[in-house]
């Protein structure tokens, strides 16, 4: 499967759910969902895990913390990589001590890679929903199509359309 196709599939799935701690076999809210197979596969791979209490929440918005993990997987990072990166100091001041602290390693990795950036004033806003233009920007960076001088958001939207994202 090509990297572009895998990214497109993962993007579709990530727009349908968020992270948590439940195994795919016990999701009670995805039966009959047109993306059920993709959700189960992403869960099997450990990329998407649901929101708890046997729920995947396929209609929930993806937040910035979860997006860091998905982007990390797209680049080939592992849970072990994220665990190691969580030991390094973060430039963001709004992650430690929150329910998004689990993602600090992923956020550190994606920040170092230049894939995900903060929201200003040393903030990452990990619980904020990821808007489509933000995800398109992240995918353009993962696919290494970002060009010097691109203006956000228009140039990123145009590039995403040109790439078929």
C-alpha atoms as a PDB file:
ATOM      1  CA  UNK A   1       0.000   0.000   0.000  1.00  0.00           C
ATOM      2  CA  UNK A   2       1.429   3.398  -0.927  1.00  0.00           C
ATOM      3  CA  UNK A   3       2.259   5.945   1.769  1.00  0.00           C
ATOM      4  CA  UNK A   4      -0.237   8.404   0.257  1.00  0.00           C
ATOM      5  CA  UNK A   5      -3.069   5.842   0.271  1.00  0.00           C
ATOM      6  CA  UNK A   6      -2.272   4.814   3.855  1.00  0.00           C
ATOM      7  CA  UNK A   7      -2.290   8.470   4.948  1.00  0.00           C
ATOM      8  CA  UNK A   8      -5.626   9.074   3.244  1.00  0.00           C
ATOM      9  CA  UNK A   9      -7.160   6.012   4.915  1.00  0.00           C
ATOM     10  CA  UNK A  10      -5.749   6.969   8.299  1.00  0.00           C
ATOM     11  CA  UNK A  11      -7.001  10.523   7.877  1.00  0.00           C
ATOM     12  CA  UNK A  12     -10.520   9.307   7.185  1.00  0.00           C
ATOM     13  CA  UNK A  13     -10.439   7.103  10.246  1.00  0.00           C
ATOM     14  CA  UNK A  14      -8.920   9.680  12.562  1.00  0.00           C
ATOM     15  CA  UNK A  15     -11.684  12.087  11.738  1.00  0.00           C
ATOM     16  CA  UNK A  16     -14.044   9.508  13.181  1.00  0.00           C
ATOM     17  CA  UNK A  17     -12.572   8.962  16.614  1.00  0.00           C
ATOM     18  CA  UNK A  18     -10.263   9.862  19.445  1.00  0.00           C
ATOM     19  CA  UNK A  19      -7.804   8.124  21.740  1.00  0.00           C
ATOM     20  CA  UNK A  20      -8.485   6.285  24.963  1.00  0.00           C
ATOM     21  CA  UNK A  21      -7.847   2.901  26.508  1.00  0.00           C
ATOM     22  CA  UNK A  22     -10.347   0.360  25.073  1.00  0.00           C
ATOM     23  CA  UNK A  23      -9.592  -2.565  22.741  1.00  0.00           C
ATOM     24  CA  UNK A  24     -11.382  -2.713  19.380  1.00  0.00           C
ATOM     25  CA  UNK A  25     -13.104  -6.001  20.109  1.00  0.00           C
ATOM     26  CA  UNK A  26     -15.255  -4.364  22.779  1.00  0.00           C
ATOM     27  CA  UNK A  27     -16.442  -1.225  20.949  1.00  0.00           C
ATOM     28  CA  UNK A  28     -20.214  -1.088  21.162  1.00  0.00           C
ATOM     29  CA  UNK A  29     -20.757   2.046  19.086  1.00  0.00           C
ATOM     30  CA  UNK A  30     -19.202   1.166  15.712  1.00  0.00           C
ATOM     31  CA  UNK A  31     -21.390  -1.726  14.567  1.00  0.00           C
ATOM     32  CA  UNK A  32     -22.662  -0.873  11.092  1.00  0.00           C
ATOM     33  CA  UNK A  33     -20.422   2.170  10.791  1.00  0.00           C
ATOM     34  CA  UNK A  34     -19.160   2.402   7.188  1.00  0.00           C
ATOM     35  CA  UNK A  35     -15.616   2.720   8.587  1.00  0.00           C
ATOM     36  CA  UNK A  36     -15.907  -0.145  11.074  1.00  0.00           C
ATOM     37  CA  UNK A  37     -13.138  -2.231   9.462  1.00  0.00           C
ATOM     38  CA  UNK A  38     -10.747   0.714   9.327  1.00  0.00           C
ATOM     39  CA  UNK A  39     -11.507   1.621  12.952  1.00  0.00           C
ATOM     40  CA  UNK A  40     -10.834  -1.948  14.057  1.00  0.00           C
ATOM     41  CA  UNK A  41      -7.562  -2.051  12.105  1.00  0.00           C
ATOM     42  CA  UNK A  42      -6.384   1.278  13.507  1.00  0.00           C
ATOM     43  CA  UNK A  43      -7.228   0.004  16.981  1.00  0.00           C
ATOM     44  CA  UNK A  44      -5.420  -3.267  16.327  1.00  0.00           C
ATOM     45  CA  UNK A  45      -2.339  -1.274  15.312  1.00  0.00           C
ATOM     46  CA  UNK A  46      -2.573   0.744  18.540  1.00  0.00           C
ATOM     47  CA  UNK A  47      -3.087   4.050  16.751  1.00  0.00           C
ATOM     48  CA  UNK A  48      -6.689   4.726  17.781  1.00  0.00           C
ATOM     49  CA  UNK A  49      -8.003   3.242  20.995  1.00  0.00           C
ATOM     50  CA  UNK A  50     -11.394   4.786  21.716  1.00  0.00           C
ATOM     51  CA  UNK A  51     -12.630   6.932  24.573  1.00  0.00           C
ATOM     52  CA  UNK A  52     -13.300   4.336  27.275  1.00  0.00           C
ATOM     53  CA  UNK A  53     -16.277   2.347  28.562  1.00  0.00           C
ATOM     54  CA  UNK A  54     -16.418   0.212  25.375  1.00  0.00           C
ATOM     55  CA  UNK A  55     -16.916   3.332  23.256  1.00  0.00           C
ATOM     56  CA  UNK A  56     -14.949   4.495  20.224  1.00  0.00           C
ATOM     57  CA  UNK A  57     -17.010   7.678  19.661  1.00  0.00           C
ATOM     58  CA  UNK A  58     -16.827   7.611  15.852  1.00  0.00           C
ATOM     59  CA  UNK A  59     -18.457  11.040  15.570  1.00  0.00           C
ATOM     60  CA  UNK A  60     -16.190  12.771  18.085  1.00  0.00           C
ATOM     61  CA  UNK A  61     -13.700  15.412  17.050  1.00  0.00           C
ATOM     62  CA  UNK A  62     -10.003  14.578  17.028  1.00  0.00           C
ATOM     63  CA  UNK A  63      -8.060  16.738  19.448  1.00  0.00           C
ATOM     64  CA  UNK A  64      -4.533  18.084  19.056  1.00  0.00           C
ATOM     65  CA  UNK A  65      -3.085  15.548  21.519  1.00  0.00           C
ATOM     66  CA  UNK A  66      -4.473  12.598  19.548  1.00  0.00           C
ATOM     67  CA  UNK A  67      -3.352  14.166  16.263  1.00  0.00           C
ATOM     68  CA  UNK A  68       0.232  14.137  17.530  1.00  0.00           C
ATOM     69  CA  UNK A  69       0.033  10.368  18.039  1.00  0.00           C
ATOM     70  CA  UNK A  70      -1.505   9.730  14.622  1.00  0.00           C
ATOM     71  CA  UNK A  71       1.112  11.912  12.914  1.00  0.00           C
ATOM     72  CA  UNK A  72       3.831  10.059  14.837  1.00  0.00           C
ATOM     73  CA  UNK A  73       2.570   6.706  13.595  1.00  0.00           C
ATOM     74  CA  UNK A  74       2.473   8.051  10.039  1.00  0.00           C
ATOM     75  CA  UNK A  75       6.169   8.858  10.371  1.00  0.00           C
ATOM     76  CA  UNK A  76       6.955   5.415  11.766  1.00  0.00           C
ATOM     77  CA  UNK A  77       7.440   6.279  15.433  1.00  0.00           C
ATOM     78  CA  UNK A  78       6.463   3.765  18.104  1.00  0.00           C
ATOM     79  CA  UNK A  79       5.087   3.867  21.631  1.00  0.00           C
ATOM     80  CA  UNK A  80       8.652   3.275  22.812  1.00  0.00           C
ATOM     81  CA  UNK A  81       9.840   6.337  20.870  1.00  0.00           C
ATOM     82  CA  UNK A  82       7.079   8.418  22.439  1.00  0.00           C
ATOM     83  CA  UNK A  83       7.913   7.102  25.918  1.00  0.00           C
ATOM     84  CA  UNK A  84      11.541   8.109  25.436  1.00  0.00           C
ATOM     85  CA  UNK A  85      10.546  11.533  24.062  1.00  0.00           C
ATOM     86  CA  UNK A  86       8.291  12.106  27.067  1.00  0.00           C
ATOM     87  CA  UNK A  87      11.431  12.229  29.209  1.00  0.00           C
ATOM     88  CA  UNK A  88      12.727  15.294  27.373  1.00  0.00           C
ATOM     89  CA  UNK A  89      11.718  18.798  28.296  1.00  0.00           C
ATOM     90  CA  UNK A  90       8.783  20.189  26.342  1.00  0.00           C
ATOM     91  CA  UNK A  91       8.546  23.734  25.072  1.00  0.00           C
ATOM     92  CA  UNK A  92       4.814  23.751  25.812  1.00  0.00           C
ATOM     93  CA  UNK A  93       3.561  24.775  29.248  1.00  0.00           C
ATOM     94  CA  UNK A  94      -0.036  23.533  29.042  1.00  0.00           C
ATOM     95  CA  UNK A  95       0.357  19.739  28.847  1.00  0.00           C
ATOM     96  CA  UNK A  96       1.824  18.522  32.150  1.00  0.00           C
ATOM     97  CA  UNK A  97      -0.798  17.929  34.816  1.00  0.00           C
ATOM     98  CA  UNK A  98      -3.685  17.627  32.326  1.00  0.00           C
ATOM     99  CA  UNK A  99      -5.596  14.597  31.055  1.00  0.00           C
ATOM    100  CA  UNK A 100      -3.583  15.010  27.835  1.00  0.00           C
ATOM    101  CA  UNK A 101      -0.246  14.376  29.534  1.00  0.00           C
ATOM    102  CA  UNK A 102      -0.266  10.868  28.008  1.00  0.00           C
ATOM    103  CA  UNK A 103       0.554  12.516  24.641  1.00  0.00           C
ATOM    104  CA  UNK A 104       3.562  14.550  25.753  1.00  0.00           C
ATOM    105  CA  UNK A 105       6.039  12.184  24.074  1.00  0.00           C
ATOM    106  CA  UNK A 106       4.101  12.275  20.817  1.00  0.00           C
ATOM    107  CA  UNK A 107       3.802  16.054  21.011  1.00  0.00           C
ATOM    108  CA  UNK A 108       7.529  16.391  21.696  1.00  0.00           C
ATOM    109  CA  UNK A 109       8.360  14.146  18.720  1.00  0.00           C
ATOM    110  CA  UNK A 110       6.052  15.951  16.321  1.00  0.00           C
ATOM    111  CA  UNK A 111       7.233  19.326  17.550  1.00  0.00           C
ATOM    112  CA  UNK A 112      10.858  18.295  16.963  1.00  0.00           C
ATOM    113  CA  UNK A 113       9.924  17.053  13.484  1.00  0.00           C
ATOM    114  CA  UNK A 114       8.194  20.363  12.707  1.00  0.00           C
ATOM    115  CA  UNK A 115       4.905  18.593  11.978  1.00  0.00           C
ATOM    116  CA  UNK A 116       2.780  20.037  14.775  1.00  0.00           C
ATOM    117  CA  UNK A 117       3.276  23.479  16.171  1.00  0.00           C
ATOM    118  CA  UNK A 118       1.894  25.260  19.186  1.00  0.00           C
ATOM    119  CA  UNK A 119      -0.860  27.817  19.382  1.00  0.00           C
ATOM    120  CA  UNK A 120       1.373  30.619  20.665  1.00  0.00           C
ATOM    121  CA  UNK A 121       2.858  31.743  23.986  1.00  0.00           C
ATOM    122  CA  UNK A 122       4.425  28.294  24.617  1.00  0.00           C
ATOM    123  CA  UNK A 123       0.960  26.676  24.473  1.00  0.00           C
ATOM    124  CA  UNK A 124      -0.018  23.566  22.551  1.00  0.00           C
ATOM    125  CA  UNK A 125      -3.747  23.437  23.466  1.00  0.00           C
ATOM    126  CA  UNK A 126      -3.795  19.612  23.474  1.00  0.00           C
ATOM    127  CA  UNK A 127      -7.539  19.307  24.108  1.00  0.00           C
ATOM    128  CA  UNK A 128      -8.598  21.644  21.321  1.00  0.00           C
ATOM    129  CA  UNK A 129     -10.241  20.001  18.310  1.00  0.00           C
ATOM    130  CA  UNK A 130      -8.070  19.707  15.237  1.00  0.00           C
ATOM    131  CA  UNK A 131      -9.639  21.571  12.340  1.00  0.00           C
ATOM    132  CA  UNK A 132      -9.466  20.086   8.844  1.00  0.00           C
ATOM    133  CA  UNK A 133      -7.032  22.754   7.599  1.00  0.00           C
ATOM    134  CA  UNK A 134      -4.721  21.904  10.505  1.00  0.00           C
ATOM    135  CA  UNK A 135      -4.796  18.223   9.614  1.00  0.00           C
ATOM    136  CA  UNK A 136      -4.190  19.041   5.934  1.00  0.00           C
ATOM    137  CA  UNK A 137      -1.175  21.114   7.016  1.00  0.00           C
ATOM    138  CA  UNK A 138       0.141  18.234   9.123  1.00  0.00           C
ATOM    139  CA  UNK A 139      -0.276  15.760   6.257  1.00  0.00           C
ATOM    140  CA  UNK A 140       1.528  18.100   3.865  1.00  0.00           C
ATOM    141  CA  UNK A 141       4.422  18.209   6.325  1.00  0.00           C
ATOM    142  CA  UNK A 142       4.403  14.428   6.841  1.00  0.00           C
ATOM    143  CA  UNK A 143       4.450  13.922   3.076  1.00  0.00           C
ATOM    144  CA  UNK A 144       7.257  16.508   2.797  1.00  0.00           C
ATOM    145  CA  UNK A 145       5.345  18.773   0.417  1.00  0.00           C
ATOM    146  CA  UNK A 146       5.600  21.944   2.478  1.00  0.00           C
ATOM    147  CA  UNK A 147       7.315  24.684   0.515  1.00  0.00           C
ATOM    148  CA  UNK A 148       9.076  27.797   1.702  1.00  0.00           C
ATOM    149  CA  UNK A 149       6.810  30.836   1.663  1.00  0.00           C
ATOM    150  CA  UNK A 150       3.503  28.950   1.852  1.00  0.00           C
ATOM    151  CA  UNK A 151       0.795  31.160   3.342  1.00  0.00           C
ATOM    152  CA  UNK A 152      -1.516  29.568   5.863  1.00  0.00           C
ATOM    153  CA  UNK A 153      -4.279  28.512   5.418  1.00  0.00           C
ATOM    154  CA  UNK A 154      -4.922  29.094   1.703  1.00  0.00           C
ATOM    155  CA  UNK A 155      -1.713  27.618   0.296  1.00  0.00           C
ATOM    156  CA  UNK A 156      -2.112  24.555   2.523  1.00  0.00           C
ATOM    157  CA  UNK A 157      -5.705  24.035   1.429  1.00  0.00           C
ATOM    158  CA  UNK A 158      -4.628  24.391  -2.215  1.00  0.00           C
ATOM    159  CA  UNK A 159      -1.750  21.934  -1.738  1.00  0.00           C
ATOM    160  CA  UNK A 160      -4.052  19.435  -0.017  1.00  0.00           C
ATOM    161  CA  UNK A 161      -6.447  19.626  -2.955  1.00  0.00           C
ATOM    162  CA  UNK A 162      -3.584  19.253  -5.472  1.00  0.00           C
ATOM    163  CA  UNK A 163      -2.338  16.166  -3.596  1.00  0.00           C
ATOM    164  CA  UNK A 164      -5.823  14.650  -3.484  1.00  0.00           C
ATOM    165  CA  UNK A 165      -6.006  14.763   0.295  1.00  0.00           C
END
